[in-house]
Protein backbone atom coordinates (compact mmCIF):
# COMPACT_ATOMS: atom_id res chain seq x y z
CA MET A 1 -16.06 166.02 -9.81
CA LEU A 2 -16.57 163.95 -6.68
CA ASP A 3 -16.69 160.21 -6.74
CA PRO A 4 -19.88 158.53 -5.47
CA GLN A 5 -18.26 157.34 -2.22
CA THR A 6 -17.13 160.87 -1.32
CA MET A 7 -20.63 162.18 -2.04
CA ARG A 8 -22.12 159.49 0.21
CA GLU A 9 -19.71 160.47 3.01
CA GLN A 10 -20.71 164.12 2.67
CA LEU A 11 -24.36 163.12 2.61
CA ALA A 12 -23.84 161.29 5.92
CA LEU A 13 -22.55 164.56 7.40
CA ILE A 14 -25.66 166.36 6.19
CA GLU A 15 -27.85 163.66 7.75
CA GLY A 16 -26.06 164.24 11.07
CA LYS A 17 -26.81 167.95 10.87
CA ARG A 18 -30.45 167.11 10.17
CA ASP A 19 -30.57 165.17 13.45
CA PHE A 20 -29.27 168.26 15.23
CA LEU A 21 -32.02 170.39 13.68
CA VAL A 22 -34.68 167.89 14.78
CA LYS A 23 -33.39 168.11 18.36
CA LEU A 24 -33.31 171.90 18.10
CA LEU A 25 -36.93 171.88 16.98
CA GLU A 26 -37.85 170.23 20.28
CA GLN A 27 -36.68 173.31 22.22
CA PRO A 28 -39.62 175.26 23.61
CA ASN A 29 -37.96 178.70 23.35
CA LEU A 30 -37.37 178.86 19.58
CA GLY A 31 -40.10 181.36 18.85
CA THR A 32 -40.26 182.33 15.20
CA LEU A 33 -37.01 180.46 14.48
CA ARG A 34 -39.13 177.31 14.59
CA ILE A 35 -40.38 178.20 11.08
CA ASP A 36 -36.82 178.45 9.73
CA VAL A 37 -35.70 175.22 11.41
CA ASN A 38 -38.74 173.42 10.02
CA GLN A 39 -37.99 174.77 6.54
CA ALA A 40 -34.36 173.66 6.79
CA ILE A 41 -35.43 170.14 7.77
CA GLU A 42 -37.87 169.96 4.86
CA GLU A 43 -35.23 171.13 2.39
CA MET A 44 -32.68 168.66 3.75
CA ASP A 45 -35.22 165.87 3.40
CA ASP A 46 -35.82 166.88 -0.22
CA LEU A 47 -32.07 166.95 -0.88
CA LEU A 48 -31.52 163.55 0.74
CA ASP A 49 -34.43 161.99 -1.18
CA GLU A 50 -33.25 163.44 -4.48
CA PHE A 51 -29.70 162.22 -3.90
CA LYS A 52 -30.88 158.72 -3.07
CA ARG A 53 -33.05 158.62 -6.21
CA THR A 54 -30.22 159.93 -8.39
CA PHE A 55 -27.49 157.76 -6.83
CA PRO A 56 -29.12 154.60 -5.50
CA GLU A 57 -27.07 152.35 -3.26
CA PRO A 58 -25.11 149.81 -5.29
CA SER A 59 -26.46 146.30 -5.12
CA GLN A 60 -24.64 143.97 -2.71
CA ASP A 61 -25.54 140.86 -4.74
CA THR A 62 -22.16 139.43 -5.66
């Protein structure tokens, strides 16, 4: 099982890939791939939201 810090690091990598997909979506020559890229972005957003709800950032109040 991964520790929370490792999961957060891997999540940061996923967020970076999401940024790539957003830039790819801006390309005018995607054709029908636009649907798949859009779907991938939506699923990544769902994954990121669910992770953040399940593992909220620890409070910095110390």
